């Protein structure tokens, strides 16, 4: 399940538009440095056709689907806590629940073909 956690007004060369910040389920991840677990969640932004006022009214609403890690062209990112610049080659994107079911069905068919 995905939850809308904020709404933002953005600027582009074509004008202003509204984005929704969405967040997936909480995950427990083990730190590579300390070995201790911490809680985190995948987040991303999606564009909308809503006004900022309507988008703010959607905060807290739940949607079906997931937020998945996707490969992309490498880009520079500055860590907010220390200012260190790192290179990333992934992003996070919303994937509707229906698409996940289709992908699972296709993967199952491929695995079945390998067995037979």
N, C-alpha and C. Protein backbone atom coordinates (compact mmCIF):
# COMPACT_ATOMS: atom_id res chain seq x y z
N UNK A 1 0.83 -1.19 0.00
CA UNK A 1 0.00 0.00 0.00
C UNK A 1 0.87 1.25 0.00
N UNK A 2 0.40 2.24 -0.67
CA UNK A 2 1.08 3.52 -0.80
C UNK A 2 0.23 4.57 -0.09
N UNK A 3 0.90 5.55 0.52
CA UNK A 3 0.18 6.61 1.20
C UNK A 3 0.67 7.96 0.70
N UNK A 4 -0.25 8.88 0.44
CA UNK A 4 0.10 10.24 0.05
C UNK A 4 0.53 10.97 1.32
N UNK A 5 1.77 11.52 1.31
CA UNK A 5 2.27 12.17 2.54
C UNK A 5 2.45 13.68 2.41
N UNK A 6 2.50 14.20 1.17
CA UNK A 6 2.56 15.66 1.03
C UNK A 6 2.20 16.07 -0.40
N UNK A 7 1.94 17.35 -0.57
CA UNK A 7 1.64 17.93 -1.87
C UNK A 7 2.53 19.16 -2.04
N UNK A 8 3.08 19.32 -3.24
CA UNK A 8 4.04 20.40 -3.48
C UNK A 8 3.76 21.11 -4.79
N UNK A 9 3.94 22.42 -4.79
CA UNK A 9 3.83 23.21 -6.01
C UNK A 9 5.23 23.31 -6.62
N UNK A 10 5.37 22.93 -7.89
CA UNK A 10 6.67 22.93 -8.57
C UNK A 10 6.65 23.88 -9.76
N UNK A 11 7.84 24.28 -10.18
CA UNK A 11 8.00 25.16 -11.34
C UNK A 11 8.69 24.38 -12.45
N UNK A 12 8.28 24.61 -13.67
CA UNK A 12 8.94 24.06 -14.85
C UNK A 12 8.95 25.15 -15.91
N UNK A 13 9.71 24.96 -16.99
CA UNK A 13 9.70 25.95 -18.07
C UNK A 13 8.30 26.19 -18.64
N UNK A 14 7.42 25.20 -18.52
CA UNK A 14 6.06 25.33 -19.05
C UNK A 14 5.09 25.93 -18.03
N UNK A 15 5.52 26.15 -16.81
CA UNK A 15 4.65 26.73 -15.79
C UNK A 15 4.65 25.92 -14.51
N UNK A 16 3.68 26.19 -13.65
CA UNK A 16 3.59 25.51 -12.36
C UNK A 16 2.77 24.22 -12.49
N UNK A 17 3.09 23.25 -11.62
CA UNK A 17 2.31 22.03 -11.53
C UNK A 17 2.42 21.49 -10.11
N UNK A 18 1.54 20.57 -9.77
CA UNK A 18 1.47 20.02 -8.41
C UNK A 18 1.94 18.58 -8.42
N UNK A 19 2.79 18.23 -7.45
CA UNK A 19 3.21 16.84 -7.29
C UNK A 19 2.69 16.31 -5.96
N UNK A 20 2.51 15.01 -5.92
CA UNK A 20 2.18 14.31 -4.68
C UNK A 20 3.40 13.52 -4.26
N UNK A 21 3.78 13.64 -3.01
CA UNK A 21 4.85 12.79 -2.48
C UNK A 21 4.16 11.57 -1.89
N UNK A 22 4.59 10.39 -2.35
CA UNK A 22 3.98 9.15 -1.86
C UNK A 22 5.05 8.30 -1.18
N UNK A 23 4.60 7.47 -0.22
CA UNK A 23 5.52 6.66 0.55
C UNK A 23 4.97 5.24 0.64
N UNK A 24 5.86 4.27 0.50
CA UNK A 24 5.49 2.87 0.61
C UNK A 24 5.49 2.40 2.06
N UNK A 25 5.35 1.11 2.22
CA UNK A 25 5.31 0.50 3.56
C UNK A 25 6.67 0.62 4.25
N UNK A 26 6.63 0.60 5.56
CA UNK A 26 7.86 0.64 6.34
C UNK A 26 8.60 -0.68 6.16
N UNK A 27 9.93 -0.56 5.97
CA UNK A 27 10.79 -1.73 5.82
C UNK A 27 11.88 -1.66 6.87
N UNK A 28 12.30 -2.82 7.36
CA UNK A 28 13.43 -2.88 8.28
C UNK A 28 14.65 -3.30 7.48
N UNK A 29 15.71 -2.47 7.54
CA UNK A 29 16.92 -2.70 6.77
C UNK A 29 18.10 -2.78 7.73
N UNK A 30 19.03 -3.70 7.43
CA UNK A 30 20.20 -3.83 8.29
C UNK A 30 21.33 -2.95 7.77
N UNK A 31 21.90 -2.15 8.65
CA UNK A 31 22.99 -1.24 8.29
C UNK A 31 24.23 -2.04 7.92
N UNK A 32 24.87 -1.66 6.82
CA UNK A 32 26.12 -2.31 6.41
C UNK A 32 27.28 -1.90 7.31
N UNK A 33 27.17 -0.73 7.95
CA UNK A 33 28.24 -0.24 8.81
C UNK A 33 28.17 -0.80 10.23
N UNK A 34 26.98 -0.76 10.82
CA UNK A 34 26.86 -1.15 12.23
C UNK A 34 26.22 -2.53 12.43
N UNK A 35 25.53 -3.04 11.42
CA UNK A 35 24.83 -4.33 11.57
C UNK A 35 23.49 -4.20 12.27
N UNK A 36 23.17 -3.00 12.75
CA UNK A 36 21.90 -2.77 13.43
C UNK A 36 20.80 -2.50 12.42
N UNK A 37 19.56 -2.79 12.82
CA UNK A 37 18.42 -2.56 11.93
C UNK A 37 17.87 -1.15 12.13
N UNK A 38 17.34 -0.59 11.05
CA UNK A 38 16.66 0.69 11.12
C UNK A 38 15.43 0.63 10.23
N UNK A 39 14.46 1.48 10.54
CA UNK A 39 13.22 1.53 9.77
C UNK A 39 13.34 2.59 8.69
N UNK A 40 12.85 2.26 7.50
CA UNK A 40 12.87 3.20 6.38
C UNK A 40 11.67 2.92 5.49
N UNK A 41 11.45 3.75 4.52
CA UNK A 41 10.37 3.55 3.55
C UNK A 41 10.78 4.20 2.24
N UNK A 42 10.39 3.59 1.13
CA UNK A 42 10.67 4.17 -0.18
C UNK A 42 9.68 5.29 -0.44
N UNK A 43 10.18 6.38 -1.02
CA UNK A 43 9.35 7.54 -1.32
C UNK A 43 9.63 8.00 -2.74
N UNK A 44 8.64 8.63 -3.35
CA UNK A 44 8.85 9.25 -4.66
C UNK A 44 7.78 10.31 -4.88
N UNK A 45 7.93 11.07 -5.94
CA UNK A 45 6.98 12.11 -6.30
C UNK A 45 6.31 11.73 -7.61
N UNK A 46 5.01 12.01 -7.70
CA UNK A 46 4.29 11.82 -8.96
C UNK A 46 3.57 13.12 -9.30
N UNK A 47 3.52 13.43 -10.58
CA UNK A 47 2.83 14.64 -11.04
C UNK A 47 1.33 14.45 -10.91
N UNK A 48 0.61 15.56 -10.83
CA UNK A 48 -0.85 15.48 -10.75
C UNK A 48 -1.48 16.61 -11.56
N UNK A 49 -2.76 16.49 -11.77
CA UNK A 49 -3.52 17.55 -12.45
C UNK A 49 -4.35 18.34 -11.44
N UNK A 50 -4.16 18.08 -10.15
CA UNK A 50 -4.94 18.73 -9.10
C UNK A 50 -4.40 20.11 -8.77
N UNK A 51 -5.26 20.94 -8.22
CA UNK A 51 -4.79 22.20 -7.64
C UNK A 51 -4.07 21.84 -6.34
N UNK A 52 -3.27 22.76 -5.83
CA UNK A 52 -2.55 22.51 -4.59
C UNK A 52 -3.51 22.25 -3.44
N UNK A 53 -4.63 22.97 -3.40
CA UNK A 53 -5.60 22.80 -2.32
C UNK A 53 -6.21 21.39 -2.34
N UNK A 54 -6.59 20.93 -3.53
CA UNK A 54 -7.17 19.58 -3.63
C UNK A 54 -6.11 18.54 -3.30
N UNK A 55 -4.89 18.72 -3.80
CA UNK A 55 -3.81 17.77 -3.54
C UNK A 55 -3.53 17.66 -2.05
N UNK A 56 -3.56 18.79 -1.33
CA UNK A 56 -3.34 18.75 0.12
C UNK A 56 -4.45 17.96 0.81
N UNK A 57 -5.66 17.98 0.25
CA UNK A 57 -6.77 17.21 0.80
C UNK A 57 -6.59 15.70 0.62
N UNK A 58 -5.69 15.29 -0.27
CA UNK A 58 -5.43 13.87 -0.51
C UNK A 58 -4.41 13.28 0.46
N UNK A 59 -3.75 14.13 1.24
CA UNK A 59 -2.76 13.64 2.20
C UNK A 59 -3.42 12.66 3.15
N UNK A 60 -2.79 11.50 3.29
CA UNK A 60 -3.32 10.43 4.15
C UNK A 60 -4.07 9.37 3.37
N UNK A 61 -4.45 9.66 2.13
CA UNK A 61 -5.17 8.67 1.32
C UNK A 61 -4.22 7.54 0.91
N UNK A 62 -4.75 6.31 0.90
CA UNK A 62 -3.96 5.15 0.52
C UNK A 62 -4.30 4.71 -0.90
N UNK A 63 -3.28 4.24 -1.61
CA UNK A 63 -3.41 3.77 -2.98
C UNK A 63 -2.83 2.36 -3.06
N UNK A 64 -3.32 1.56 -4.00
CA UNK A 64 -2.72 0.24 -4.19
C UNK A 64 -1.50 0.38 -5.08
N UNK A 65 -0.54 -0.50 -4.90
CA UNK A 65 0.69 -0.48 -5.69
C UNK A 65 1.90 -0.49 -4.78
N UNK A 66 3.06 -0.31 -5.40
CA UNK A 66 4.33 -0.29 -4.67
C UNK A 66 5.22 0.81 -5.23
N UNK A 67 6.29 1.08 -4.53
CA UNK A 67 7.34 1.97 -5.02
C UNK A 67 8.56 1.08 -5.21
N UNK A 68 9.02 0.99 -6.45
CA UNK A 68 10.14 0.11 -6.78
C UNK A 68 11.36 0.89 -7.19
N UNK A 69 12.52 0.32 -6.94
CA UNK A 69 13.79 0.90 -7.36
C UNK A 69 13.97 0.61 -8.85
N UNK A 70 14.30 1.64 -9.62
CA UNK A 70 14.48 1.52 -11.06
C UNK A 70 15.86 2.06 -11.46
N UNK A 71 16.50 1.40 -12.40
CA UNK A 71 17.78 1.87 -12.92
C UNK A 71 17.55 3.13 -13.76
N UNK A 72 18.51 4.03 -13.74
CA UNK A 72 18.43 5.25 -14.55
C UNK A 72 19.84 5.70 -14.89
N UNK A 73 19.94 6.75 -15.67
CA UNK A 73 21.24 7.34 -16.01
C UNK A 73 21.89 7.85 -14.71
N UNK A 74 23.18 7.66 -14.54
CA UNK A 74 23.86 8.16 -13.33
C UNK A 74 23.69 9.68 -13.18
N UNK A 75 23.53 10.11 -11.93
CA UNK A 75 23.40 11.53 -11.63
C UNK A 75 24.04 11.83 -10.28
N UNK A 76 24.36 13.10 -10.06
CA UNK A 76 25.00 13.54 -8.82
C UNK A 76 23.93 13.88 -7.79
N UNK A 77 24.17 13.49 -6.53
CA UNK A 77 23.25 13.79 -5.43
C UNK A 77 24.07 14.26 -4.24
N UNK A 78 23.63 15.35 -3.62
CA UNK A 78 24.31 15.87 -2.44
C UNK A 78 23.59 15.39 -1.19
N UNK A 79 24.31 14.70 -0.32
CA UNK A 79 23.73 14.21 0.93
C UNK A 79 23.40 15.39 1.83
N UNK A 80 22.15 15.49 2.32
CA UNK A 80 21.76 16.65 3.12
C UNK A 80 22.50 16.76 4.44
N UNK A 81 22.86 15.63 5.06
CA UNK A 81 23.46 15.70 6.39
C UNK A 81 24.92 16.12 6.40
N UNK A 82 25.66 15.88 5.31
CA UNK A 82 27.08 16.25 5.33
C UNK A 82 27.55 17.03 4.13
N UNK A 83 26.71 17.15 3.12
CA UNK A 83 27.09 17.88 1.93
C UNK A 83 27.94 17.08 0.96
N UNK A 84 28.20 15.80 1.28
CA UNK A 84 29.00 14.95 0.39
C UNK A 84 28.22 14.70 -0.91
N UNK A 85 28.92 14.79 -2.04
CA UNK A 85 28.30 14.54 -3.34
C UNK A 85 28.59 13.10 -3.75
N UNK A 86 27.53 12.34 -4.07
CA UNK A 86 27.68 10.96 -4.50
C UNK A 86 27.02 10.79 -5.86
N UNK A 87 27.37 9.72 -6.56
CA UNK A 87 26.75 9.41 -7.84
C UNK A 87 25.79 8.25 -7.65
N UNK A 88 24.56 8.44 -8.09
CA UNK A 88 23.54 7.40 -8.01
C UNK A 88 23.13 6.99 -9.42
N UNK A 89 22.70 5.75 -9.57
CA UNK A 89 22.22 5.28 -10.87
C UNK A 89 20.87 4.57 -10.72
N UNK A 90 20.11 5.01 -9.73
CA UNK A 90 18.76 4.47 -9.54
C UNK A 90 17.83 5.57 -9.07
N UNK A 91 16.56 5.31 -9.22
CA UNK A 91 15.51 6.21 -8.73
C UNK A 91 14.37 5.33 -8.24
N UNK A 92 13.36 5.92 -7.66
CA UNK A 92 12.21 5.16 -7.19
C UNK A 92 10.98 5.62 -7.95
N UNK A 93 10.16 4.66 -8.38
CA UNK A 93 8.97 4.97 -9.18
C UNK A 93 7.77 4.20 -8.66
N UNK A 94 6.61 4.81 -8.80
CA UNK A 94 5.35 4.17 -8.43
C UNK A 94 4.99 3.10 -9.47
N UNK A 95 4.60 1.92 -9.00
CA UNK A 95 4.16 0.84 -9.88
C UNK A 95 2.77 0.42 -9.42
N UNK A 96 1.75 0.59 -10.27
CA UNK A 96 0.39 0.20 -9.89
C UNK A 96 0.30 -1.30 -9.59
N UNK A 97 -0.63 -1.69 -8.73
CA UNK A 97 -0.80 -3.09 -8.35
C UNK A 97 -1.09 -3.97 -9.55
N UNK A 98 -1.86 -3.49 -10.51
CA UNK A 98 -2.22 -4.29 -11.68
C UNK A 98 -0.97 -4.65 -12.48
N UNK A 99 -0.06 -3.71 -12.65
CA UNK A 99 1.17 -3.97 -13.39
C UNK A 99 2.00 -5.03 -12.67
N UNK A 100 2.04 -4.99 -11.34
CA UNK A 100 2.79 -5.99 -10.57
C UNK A 100 2.22 -7.38 -10.82
N UNK A 101 0.89 -7.51 -10.89
CA UNK A 101 0.27 -8.81 -11.14
C UNK A 101 0.63 -9.33 -12.52
N UNK A 102 0.63 -8.46 -13.51
CA UNK A 102 0.98 -8.86 -14.88
C UNK A 102 2.43 -9.32 -14.93
N UNK A 103 3.34 -8.57 -14.29
CA UNK A 103 4.75 -8.94 -14.26
C UNK A 103 4.94 -10.29 -13.57
N UNK A 104 4.24 -10.52 -12.46
CA UNK A 104 4.35 -11.79 -11.74
C UNK A 104 3.86 -12.94 -12.61
N UNK A 105 2.79 -12.73 -13.34
CA UNK A 105 2.25 -13.77 -14.22
C UNK A 105 3.24 -14.09 -15.34
N UNK A 106 3.86 -13.04 -15.93
CA UNK A 106 4.84 -13.25 -16.99
C UNK A 106 6.06 -13.99 -16.46
N UNK A 107 6.54 -13.61 -15.28
CA UNK A 107 7.69 -14.29 -14.68
C UNK A 107 7.38 -15.75 -14.39
N UNK A 108 6.17 -16.03 -13.93
CA UNK A 108 5.76 -17.40 -13.64
C UNK A 108 5.79 -18.23 -14.92
N UNK A 109 5.27 -17.67 -16.02
CA UNK A 109 5.29 -18.37 -17.32
C UNK A 109 6.71 -18.69 -17.75
N UNK A 110 7.63 -17.71 -17.64
CA UNK A 110 9.01 -17.92 -18.02
C UNK A 110 9.66 -19.01 -17.18
N UNK A 111 9.41 -18.99 -15.87
CA UNK A 111 9.97 -20.00 -14.98
C UNK A 111 9.40 -21.38 -15.30
N UNK A 112 8.13 -21.43 -15.62
CA UNK A 112 7.49 -22.69 -15.98
C UNK A 112 8.09 -23.26 -17.26
N UNK A 113 8.36 -22.39 -18.24
CA UNK A 113 8.95 -22.83 -19.50
C UNK A 113 10.36 -23.41 -19.27
N UNK A 114 11.10 -22.83 -18.34
CA UNK A 114 12.44 -23.32 -18.03
C UNK A 114 12.39 -24.70 -17.40
N UNK A 115 11.36 -24.96 -16.62
CA UNK A 115 11.22 -26.27 -15.96
C UNK A 115 10.85 -27.34 -16.97
N UNK A 116 9.94 -27.00 -17.88
CA UNK A 116 9.42 -27.96 -18.86
C UNK A 116 10.42 -28.15 -19.94
